[in-house]
């Protein structure tokens, strides 16, 4: 099939509002034909999230089930020195789960009362 005639493939896109820091970002997760998911982060003014976005690699289904200390997403956040309570790494995990068909794209959040 001619690649230009194929239907465009979807991607999972999230807008993240992390809180008081105000450094919103956009996360995009796209599954490839080999089943791996490539993640990109854009529109962030946070230098640490920008650094994390530079070291992100493809994720596999196996990566999603690794313990927190061994999960590559958490390692990338730690290597970039993201704040431990930053929600961006968890938003990445949610985006990848949705892209792999393991979760539904539903609103999630934290609200202080």
Protein backbone atom coordinates (compact mmCIF):
# COMPACT_ATOMS: atom_id res chain seq x y z
CA UNK A 1 0.00 0.00 0.00
CA UNK A 2 1.21 3.48 -0.80
CA UNK A 3 2.25 5.09 2.54
CA UNK A 4 0.76 8.43 1.50
CA UNK A 5 -2.66 6.75 1.06
CA UNK A 6 -2.67 5.00 4.45
CA UNK A 7 -4.89 6.40 7.15
CA UNK A 8 -2.92 8.48 9.64
CA UNK A 9 -2.07 6.55 12.76
CA UNK A 10 -3.31 7.85 16.06
CA UNK A 11 -1.23 8.83 19.04
CA UNK A 12 -2.13 9.42 22.66
CA UNK A 13 -1.68 13.06 23.65
CA UNK A 14 -1.99 14.48 27.16
CA UNK A 15 -1.93 18.03 28.48
CA UNK A 16 -0.35 18.07 31.93
CA UNK A 17 -0.83 20.80 34.51
CA UNK A 18 1.59 19.77 37.26
CA UNK A 19 0.60 22.30 39.91
CA UNK A 20 2.13 25.24 41.64
CA UNK A 21 5.26 25.27 39.47
CA UNK A 22 3.03 26.20 36.53
CA UNK A 23 5.21 24.30 34.06
CA UNK A 24 2.54 22.76 31.88
CA UNK A 25 3.59 20.32 29.18
CA UNK A 26 2.27 18.10 26.43
CA UNK A 27 3.05 14.38 26.37
CA UNK A 28 2.66 12.35 23.20
CA UNK A 29 2.89 8.54 23.10
CA UNK A 30 2.91 6.67 19.79
CA UNK A 31 3.00 2.91 19.37
CA UNK A 32 5.16 1.56 16.57
CA UNK A 33 4.54 -1.54 14.49
CA UNK A 34 6.92 -3.54 16.71
CA UNK A 35 4.76 -2.80 19.77
CA UNK A 36 7.13 -0.34 21.44
CA UNK A 37 5.95 3.14 22.42
CA UNK A 38 7.92 6.28 21.70
CA UNK A 39 7.24 9.16 24.10
CA UNK A 40 7.88 12.85 23.55
CA UNK A 41 7.40 15.81 25.87
CA UNK A 42 6.93 19.31 24.51
CA UNK A 43 5.82 22.79 25.54
CA UNK A 44 7.46 22.61 28.99
CA UNK A 45 9.35 25.52 30.48
CA UNK A 46 10.76 23.23 33.19
CA UNK A 47 14.45 22.62 32.59
CA UNK A 48 14.26 19.28 34.42
CA UNK A 49 11.35 17.99 32.32
CA UNK A 50 13.17 19.20 29.21
CA UNK A 51 16.23 17.23 30.32
CA UNK A 52 14.08 14.15 30.95
CA UNK A 53 12.59 14.48 27.46
CA UNK A 54 16.11 14.28 26.00
CA UNK A 55 16.88 10.93 27.66
CA UNK A 56 13.56 9.17 27.07
CA UNK A 57 13.75 5.95 25.07
CA UNK A 58 11.10 3.61 23.70
CA UNK A 59 9.03 1.66 26.20
CA UNK A 60 7.84 -1.92 26.02
CA UNK A 61 4.93 -3.68 27.68
CA UNK A 62 7.41 -5.29 30.10
CA UNK A 63 8.61 -1.83 31.20
CA UNK A 64 5.12 -0.97 32.45
CA UNK A 65 5.17 -3.79 34.97
CA UNK A 66 8.58 -3.21 36.48
CA UNK A 67 8.72 -2.13 40.14
CA UNK A 68 8.85 1.64 40.69
CA UNK A 69 12.57 1.64 41.46
CA UNK A 70 13.35 -0.21 38.22
CA UNK A 71 10.79 1.43 35.95
CA UNK A 72 12.60 3.34 33.18
CA UNK A 73 10.23 6.31 33.44
CA UNK A 74 11.15 6.81 37.08
CA UNK A 75 14.85 6.33 36.29
CA UNK A 76 14.64 9.03 33.60
CA UNK A 77 12.94 11.39 36.06
CA UNK A 78 15.57 10.64 38.69
CA UNK A 79 18.44 11.12 36.23
CA UNK A 80 16.95 14.46 35.18
CA UNK A 81 16.58 15.35 38.89
CA UNK A 82 12.86 15.94 38.67
CA UNK A 83 11.13 16.65 41.96
CA UNK A 84 9.91 13.39 43.58
CA UNK A 85 6.29 14.57 43.56
CA UNK A 86 6.32 15.74 39.93
CA UNK A 87 3.32 14.20 38.17
CA UNK A 88 4.87 14.30 34.69
CA UNK A 89 6.47 10.81 35.01
CA UNK A 90 3.13 9.33 36.07
CA UNK A 91 1.38 11.11 33.21
CA UNK A 92 3.90 9.46 30.85
CA UNK A 93 3.00 6.08 32.34
CA UNK A 94 -0.72 6.75 31.81
CA UNK A 95 -0.13 7.86 28.21
CA UNK A 96 1.84 4.69 27.44
CA UNK A 97 -0.83 2.49 29.05
CA UNK A 98 -3.52 4.11 26.89
CA UNK A 99 -1.39 3.84 23.76
CA UNK A 100 -0.85 0.13 24.42
CA UNK A 101 -4.58 -0.41 24.90
CA UNK A 102 -4.22 -1.21 28.61
CA UNK A 103 -6.16 1.77 29.93
CA UNK A 104 -8.90 4.09 28.77
CA UNK A 105 -8.19 7.74 28.05
CA UNK A 106 -10.04 9.24 31.02
CA UNK A 107 -9.44 12.40 32.99
CA UNK A 108 -7.23 11.92 36.05
CA UNK A 109 -6.07 14.46 38.57
CA UNK A 110 -5.27 15.59 42.05
CA UNK A 111 -7.45 18.19 43.69
CA UNK A 112 -6.78 19.76 47.08
CA UNK A 113 -9.86 20.63 49.17
